[in-house]
Amino acid sequence: MSACQTCGACCAAYRVQFAVYELDEAGGSVPAALTDPVNGSTCRMRGTGEVPIRCVALSGTVGTAVGCTIYDQRPAPCHELSEGSYACHKARARHGLPALDPEPPL
């Protein structure tokens, strides 16, 4: 099991903004119903533009057991954040979770 499935800190720590072309209504895969517009070319996942941050697609309890309800349809920023990365460590720290082993070098 991936550490991400027991963590979810990134989904409750960062604003998830991305281009509107990723929305299902524009030919992409992200469900538009789960997003809020930012401007004409950018939108964000609902729940990530407010405090406390928690993406609307996150299910479960951060630090215990979590899942993404749109995992196969998630936007680019979610694909780009990797387990053990600097951003992962920062998100985990915000939730009082210990750091993971660093990403292996390429």
N, C-alpha and C. Protein backbone atom coordinates (compact mmCIF):
# COMPACT_ATOMS: atom_id res chain seq x y z
N MET A 1 0.84 -1.18 0.00
CA MET A 1 0.00 0.00 0.00
C MET A 1 0.89 1.25 0.00
N SER A 2 0.54 2.19 -0.79
CA SER A 2 1.26 3.45 -0.87
C SER A 2 1.04 4.27 0.39
N ALA A 3 2.07 5.01 0.80
CA ALA A 3 1.93 5.91 1.95
C ALA A 3 0.82 6.93 1.69
N CYS A 4 0.57 7.25 0.44
CA CYS A 4 -0.47 8.22 0.10
C CYS A 4 -1.85 7.76 0.56
N GLN A 5 -2.08 6.46 0.59
CA GLN A 5 -3.39 5.93 0.98
C GLN A 5 -3.64 6.01 2.48
N THR A 6 -2.59 6.30 3.25
CA THR A 6 -2.77 6.52 4.68
C THR A 6 -2.50 7.97 5.05
N CYS A 7 -2.23 8.80 4.08
CA CYS A 7 -1.83 10.18 4.36
C CYS A 7 -2.90 11.18 3.93
N GLY A 8 -2.88 11.60 2.66
CA GLY A 8 -3.84 12.58 2.17
C GLY A 8 -3.54 14.01 2.54
N ALA A 9 -2.38 14.24 3.17
CA ALA A 9 -2.05 15.60 3.64
C ALA A 9 -2.00 16.61 2.50
N CYS A 10 -1.51 16.21 1.35
CA CYS A 10 -1.41 17.16 0.23
C CYS A 10 -2.79 17.65 -0.21
N CYS A 11 -3.79 16.77 -0.11
CA CYS A 11 -5.16 17.12 -0.51
C CYS A 11 -5.81 18.06 0.51
N ALA A 12 -5.17 18.21 1.65
CA ALA A 12 -5.70 19.08 2.69
C ALA A 12 -4.66 20.14 3.08
N ALA A 13 -3.78 20.48 2.12
CA ALA A 13 -2.75 21.47 2.40
C ALA A 13 -2.53 22.47 1.28
N TYR A 14 -2.88 22.10 0.05
CA TYR A 14 -2.54 22.95 -1.10
C TYR A 14 -3.75 23.36 -1.92
N ARG A 15 -3.68 24.55 -2.48
CA ARG A 15 -4.66 25.01 -3.46
C ARG A 15 -4.37 24.25 -4.76
N VAL A 16 -5.40 23.66 -5.34
CA VAL A 16 -5.22 22.88 -6.56
C VAL A 16 -5.85 23.64 -7.72
N GLN A 17 -5.02 24.43 -8.41
CA GLN A 17 -5.46 25.22 -9.55
C GLN A 17 -4.90 24.63 -10.83
N PHE A 18 -5.68 24.72 -11.89
CA PHE A 18 -5.27 24.14 -13.18
C PHE A 18 -6.06 24.79 -14.31
N ALA A 19 -5.62 24.52 -15.53
CA ALA A 19 -6.25 25.11 -16.72
C ALA A 19 -7.63 24.52 -16.96
N VAL A 20 -8.55 25.35 -17.41
CA VAL A 20 -9.92 24.90 -17.66
C VAL A 20 -10.00 23.82 -18.72
N TYR A 21 -8.99 23.69 -19.57
CA TYR A 21 -9.04 22.65 -20.61
C TYR A 21 -8.99 21.24 -20.02
N GLU A 22 -8.67 21.13 -18.71
CA GLU A 22 -8.67 19.81 -18.06
C GLU A 22 -10.07 19.39 -17.61
N LEU A 23 -11.05 20.29 -17.68
CA LEU A 23 -12.41 19.98 -17.26
C LEU A 23 -13.09 19.06 -18.26
N ASP A 24 -13.95 18.18 -17.75
CA ASP A 24 -14.67 17.25 -18.62
C ASP A 24 -15.52 17.98 -19.66
N GLU A 25 -16.07 19.12 -19.29
CA GLU A 25 -16.91 19.88 -20.23
C GLU A 25 -16.10 20.54 -21.34
N ALA A 26 -14.77 20.54 -21.20
CA ALA A 26 -13.88 21.11 -22.23
C ALA A 26 -13.10 20.01 -22.94
N GLY A 27 -13.47 18.75 -22.70
CA GLY A 27 -12.79 17.63 -23.35
C GLY A 27 -11.75 16.95 -22.47
N GLY A 28 -11.55 17.45 -21.26
CA GLY A 28 -10.61 16.83 -20.33
C GLY A 28 -11.30 15.78 -19.49
N SER A 29 -10.75 15.51 -18.31
CA SER A 29 -11.33 14.45 -17.48
C SER A 29 -11.80 14.90 -16.10
N VAL A 30 -11.39 16.07 -15.64
CA VAL A 30 -11.75 16.52 -14.29
C VAL A 30 -13.23 16.94 -14.26
N PRO A 31 -14.04 16.36 -13.37
CA PRO A 31 -15.45 16.74 -13.30
C PRO A 31 -15.63 18.22 -12.95
N ALA A 32 -16.19 18.97 -13.87
CA ALA A 32 -16.40 20.41 -13.68
C ALA A 32 -17.25 20.69 -12.45
N ALA A 33 -18.15 19.80 -12.10
CA ALA A 33 -19.03 20.00 -10.96
C ALA A 33 -18.27 20.06 -9.64
N LEU A 34 -17.02 19.60 -9.63
CA LEU A 34 -16.21 19.60 -8.41
C LEU A 34 -15.22 20.75 -8.36
N THR A 35 -15.38 21.72 -9.25
CA THR A 35 -14.43 22.83 -9.35
C THR A 35 -15.12 24.18 -9.19
N ASP A 36 -14.30 25.19 -8.93
CA ASP A 36 -14.75 26.57 -8.88
C ASP A 36 -13.91 27.36 -9.88
N PRO A 37 -14.52 28.31 -10.60
CA PRO A 37 -13.73 29.13 -11.51
C PRO A 37 -12.83 30.09 -10.74
N VAL A 38 -11.64 30.34 -11.31
CA VAL A 38 -10.72 31.34 -10.76
C VAL A 38 -10.75 32.55 -11.68
N ASN A 39 -10.58 32.29 -12.97
CA ASN A 39 -10.71 33.31 -14.01
C ASN A 39 -11.08 32.58 -15.30
N GLY A 40 -11.01 33.22 -16.42
CA GLY A 40 -11.43 32.61 -17.68
C GLY A 40 -10.61 31.42 -18.13
N SER A 41 -9.40 31.28 -17.62
CA SER A 41 -8.53 30.19 -18.07
C SER A 41 -8.11 29.23 -16.97
N THR A 42 -8.48 29.54 -15.73
CA THR A 42 -8.05 28.73 -14.59
C THR A 42 -9.23 28.40 -13.68
N CYS A 43 -9.19 27.20 -13.12
CA CYS A 43 -10.18 26.82 -12.11
C CYS A 43 -9.43 26.11 -10.99
N ARG A 44 -10.15 25.76 -9.93
CA ARG A 44 -9.51 25.04 -8.82
C ARG A 44 -10.48 24.00 -8.28
N MET A 45 -9.93 23.00 -7.65
CA MET A 45 -10.76 21.99 -7.01
C MET A 45 -11.48 22.65 -5.85
N ARG A 46 -12.77 22.38 -5.73
CA ARG A 46 -13.57 22.91 -4.62
C ARG A 46 -12.97 22.47 -3.30
N GLY A 47 -12.95 23.38 -2.36
CA GLY A 47 -12.42 23.09 -1.03
C GLY A 47 -10.96 23.45 -0.88
N THR A 48 -10.25 23.72 -1.99
CA THR A 48 -8.83 24.05 -1.88
C THR A 48 -8.58 25.55 -1.92
N GLY A 49 -9.62 26.32 -2.04
CA GLY A 49 -9.47 27.77 -2.06
C GLY A 49 -9.97 28.41 -0.78
N GLU A 50 -10.23 27.59 0.23
CA GLU A 50 -10.74 28.10 1.50
C GLU A 50 -9.95 27.49 2.64
N VAL A 51 -10.12 28.03 3.82
CA VAL A 51 -9.42 27.52 5.00
C VAL A 51 -10.46 27.00 5.98
N PRO A 52 -10.36 25.81 6.50
CA PRO A 52 -9.27 24.88 6.25
C PRO A 52 -9.38 24.25 4.86
N ILE A 53 -8.22 24.00 4.27
CA ILE A 53 -8.16 23.40 2.94
C ILE A 53 -8.50 21.91 3.04
N ARG A 54 -9.37 21.48 2.15
CA ARG A 54 -9.64 20.05 1.99
C ARG A 54 -10.33 19.88 0.65
N CYS A 55 -9.66 19.19 -0.25
CA CYS A 55 -10.22 18.95 -1.58
C CYS A 55 -11.53 18.18 -1.46
N VAL A 56 -12.51 18.58 -2.23
CA VAL A 56 -13.81 17.93 -2.22
C VAL A 56 -13.72 16.47 -2.66
N ALA A 57 -12.69 16.11 -3.41
CA ALA A 57 -12.55 14.73 -3.89
C ALA A 57 -11.85 13.81 -2.89
N LEU A 58 -11.38 14.36 -1.78
CA LEU A 58 -10.69 13.55 -0.77
C LEU A 58 -11.71 12.86 0.12
N SER A 59 -11.57 11.55 0.25
CA SER A 59 -12.43 10.81 1.17
C SER A 59 -11.57 10.23 2.29
N GLY A 60 -12.14 10.04 3.45
CA GLY A 60 -11.42 9.44 4.56
C GLY A 60 -10.84 10.47 5.52
N THR A 61 -9.96 9.97 6.38
CA THR A 61 -9.35 10.78 7.43
C THR A 61 -7.86 10.96 7.16
N VAL A 62 -7.41 12.20 7.06
CA VAL A 62 -6.00 12.50 6.81
C VAL A 62 -5.14 11.85 7.89
N GLY A 63 -4.10 11.15 7.45
CA GLY A 63 -3.18 10.50 8.37
C GLY A 63 -3.59 9.10 8.79
N THR A 64 -4.77 8.67 8.35
CA THR A 64 -5.26 7.34 8.73
C THR A 64 -5.53 6.48 7.51
N ALA A 65 -6.56 6.83 6.76
CA ALA A 65 -6.92 6.10 5.54
C ALA A 65 -7.68 7.07 4.65
N VAL A 66 -7.18 7.28 3.44
CA VAL A 66 -7.79 8.24 2.51
C VAL A 66 -7.83 7.69 1.10
N GLY A 67 -8.59 8.36 0.27
CA GLY A 67 -8.65 8.03 -1.14
C GLY A 67 -9.13 9.24 -1.90
N CYS A 68 -8.86 9.23 -3.18
CA CYS A 68 -9.33 10.28 -4.07
C CYS A 68 -10.51 9.71 -4.86
N THR A 69 -11.66 10.36 -4.76
CA THR A 69 -12.85 9.86 -5.43
C THR A 69 -12.80 10.05 -6.94
N ILE A 70 -11.82 10.84 -7.42
CA ILE A 70 -11.66 11.03 -8.88
C ILE A 70 -10.23 10.71 -9.31
N TYR A 71 -9.60 9.76 -8.66
CA TYR A 71 -8.18 9.48 -8.87
C TYR A 71 -7.82 9.40 -10.36
N ASP A 72 -8.55 8.65 -11.15
CA ASP A 72 -8.24 8.52 -12.57
C ASP A 72 -8.55 9.77 -13.38
N GLN A 73 -9.28 10.71 -12.78
CA GLN A 73 -9.67 11.93 -13.46
C GLN A 73 -9.03 13.18 -12.84
N ARG A 74 -8.12 13.00 -11.88
CA ARG A 74 -7.56 14.13 -11.15
C ARG A 74 -6.76 15.05 -12.07
N PRO A 75 -6.65 16.33 -11.69
CA PRO A 75 -5.95 17.32 -12.52
C PRO A 75 -4.42 17.19 -12.44
N ALA A 76 -3.75 17.89 -13.33
CA ALA A 76 -2.29 17.84 -13.45
C ALA A 76 -1.54 18.09 -12.15
N PRO A 77 -1.91 19.10 -11.33
CA PRO A 77 -1.15 19.32 -10.10
C PRO A 77 -1.12 18.09 -9.20
N CYS A 78 -2.17 17.30 -9.22
CA CYS A 78 -2.24 16.10 -8.39
C CYS A 78 -1.33 15.00 -8.95
N HIS A 79 -1.19 14.95 -10.27
CA HIS A 79 -0.27 13.99 -10.89
C HIS A 79 1.18 14.37 -10.59
N GLU A 80 1.44 15.65 -10.48
CA GLU A 80 2.82 16.15 -10.36
C GLU A 80 3.40 16.04 -8.95
N LEU A 81 2.57 16.03 -7.92
CA LEU A 81 3.09 15.93 -6.56
C LEU A 81 3.37 14.46 -6.26
N SER A 82 4.60 14.17 -5.89
CA SER A 82 4.97 12.76 -5.69
C SER A 82 5.28 12.45 -4.22
N GLU A 83 5.05 11.22 -3.88
CA GLU A 83 5.29 10.70 -2.53
C GLU A 83 6.76 10.90 -2.16
N GLY A 84 7.01 11.49 -1.01
CA GLY A 84 8.37 11.71 -0.54
C GLY A 84 9.03 12.97 -1.05
N SER A 85 8.33 13.74 -1.88
CA SER A 85 8.90 14.98 -2.42
C SER A 85 8.91 16.07 -1.35
N TYR A 86 9.55 17.19 -1.67
CA TYR A 86 9.59 18.33 -0.75
C TYR A 86 8.17 18.79 -0.41
N ALA A 87 7.31 18.90 -1.43
CA ALA A 87 5.93 19.33 -1.19
C ALA A 87 5.18 18.33 -0.33
N CYS A 88 5.46 17.06 -0.51
CA CYS A 88 4.86 16.01 0.33
C CYS A 88 5.28 16.21 1.78
N HIS A 89 6.56 16.41 2.01
CA HIS A 89 7.06 16.61 3.38
C HIS A 89 6.42 17.82 4.04
N LYS A 90 6.29 18.92 3.29
CA LYS A 90 5.68 20.14 3.84
C LYS A 90 4.22 19.90 4.21
N ALA A 91 3.48 19.21 3.35
CA ALA A 91 2.07 18.92 3.62
C ALA A 91 1.94 18.02 4.84
N ARG A 92 2.78 17.00 4.92
CA ARG A 92 2.74 16.09 6.06
C ARG A 92 3.04 16.84 7.35
N ALA A 93 4.04 17.73 7.31
CA ALA A 93 4.40 18.51 8.50
C ALA A 93 3.23 19.38 8.96
N ARG A 94 2.49 19.96 8.02
CA ARG A 94 1.33 20.79 8.37
C ARG A 94 0.29 20.01 9.15
N HIS A 95 0.27 18.70 8.95
CA HIS A 95 -0.72 17.85 9.62
C HIS A 95 -0.11 17.04 10.75
N GLY A 96 1.13 17.37 11.12
CA GLY A 96 1.79 16.70 12.23
C GLY A 96 2.22 15.28 11.92
N LEU A 97 2.39 14.96 10.65
CA LEU A 97 2.81 13.62 10.24
C LEU A 97 4.32 13.61 9.99
N PRO A 98 4.99 12.51 10.27
CA PRO A 98 6.44 12.45 10.04
C PRO A 98 6.78 12.44 8.56
N ALA A 99 7.98 12.89 8.25
CA ALA A 99 8.46 12.88 6.87
C ALA A 99 8.65 11.45 6.39
N LEU A 100 8.52 11.25 5.10
CA LEU A 100 8.77 9.96 4.47
C LEU A 100 10.21 9.94 4.00
N ASP A 101 10.68 8.78 3.60
CA ASP A 101 12.00 8.70 2.99
C ASP A 101 11.99 9.56 1.75
N PRO A 102 13.10 10.24 1.45
CA PRO A 102 13.14 11.12 0.27
C PRO A 102 13.00 10.32 -1.02
N GLU A 103 12.59 11.05 -2.08
CA GLU A 103 12.49 10.43 -3.40
C GLU A 103 13.85 9.88 -3.80
N PRO A 104 13.89 8.71 -4.43
CA PRO A 104 15.19 8.20 -4.91
C PRO A 104 15.67 9.07 -6.08
N PRO A 105 16.99 9.21 -6.23
CA PRO A 105 17.50 10.01 -7.35
C PRO A 105 17.15 9.35 -8.68
N LEU A 106 17.04 10.17 -9.71
CA LEU A 106 16.72 9.65 -11.05
C LEU A 106 17.88 8.96 -11.68
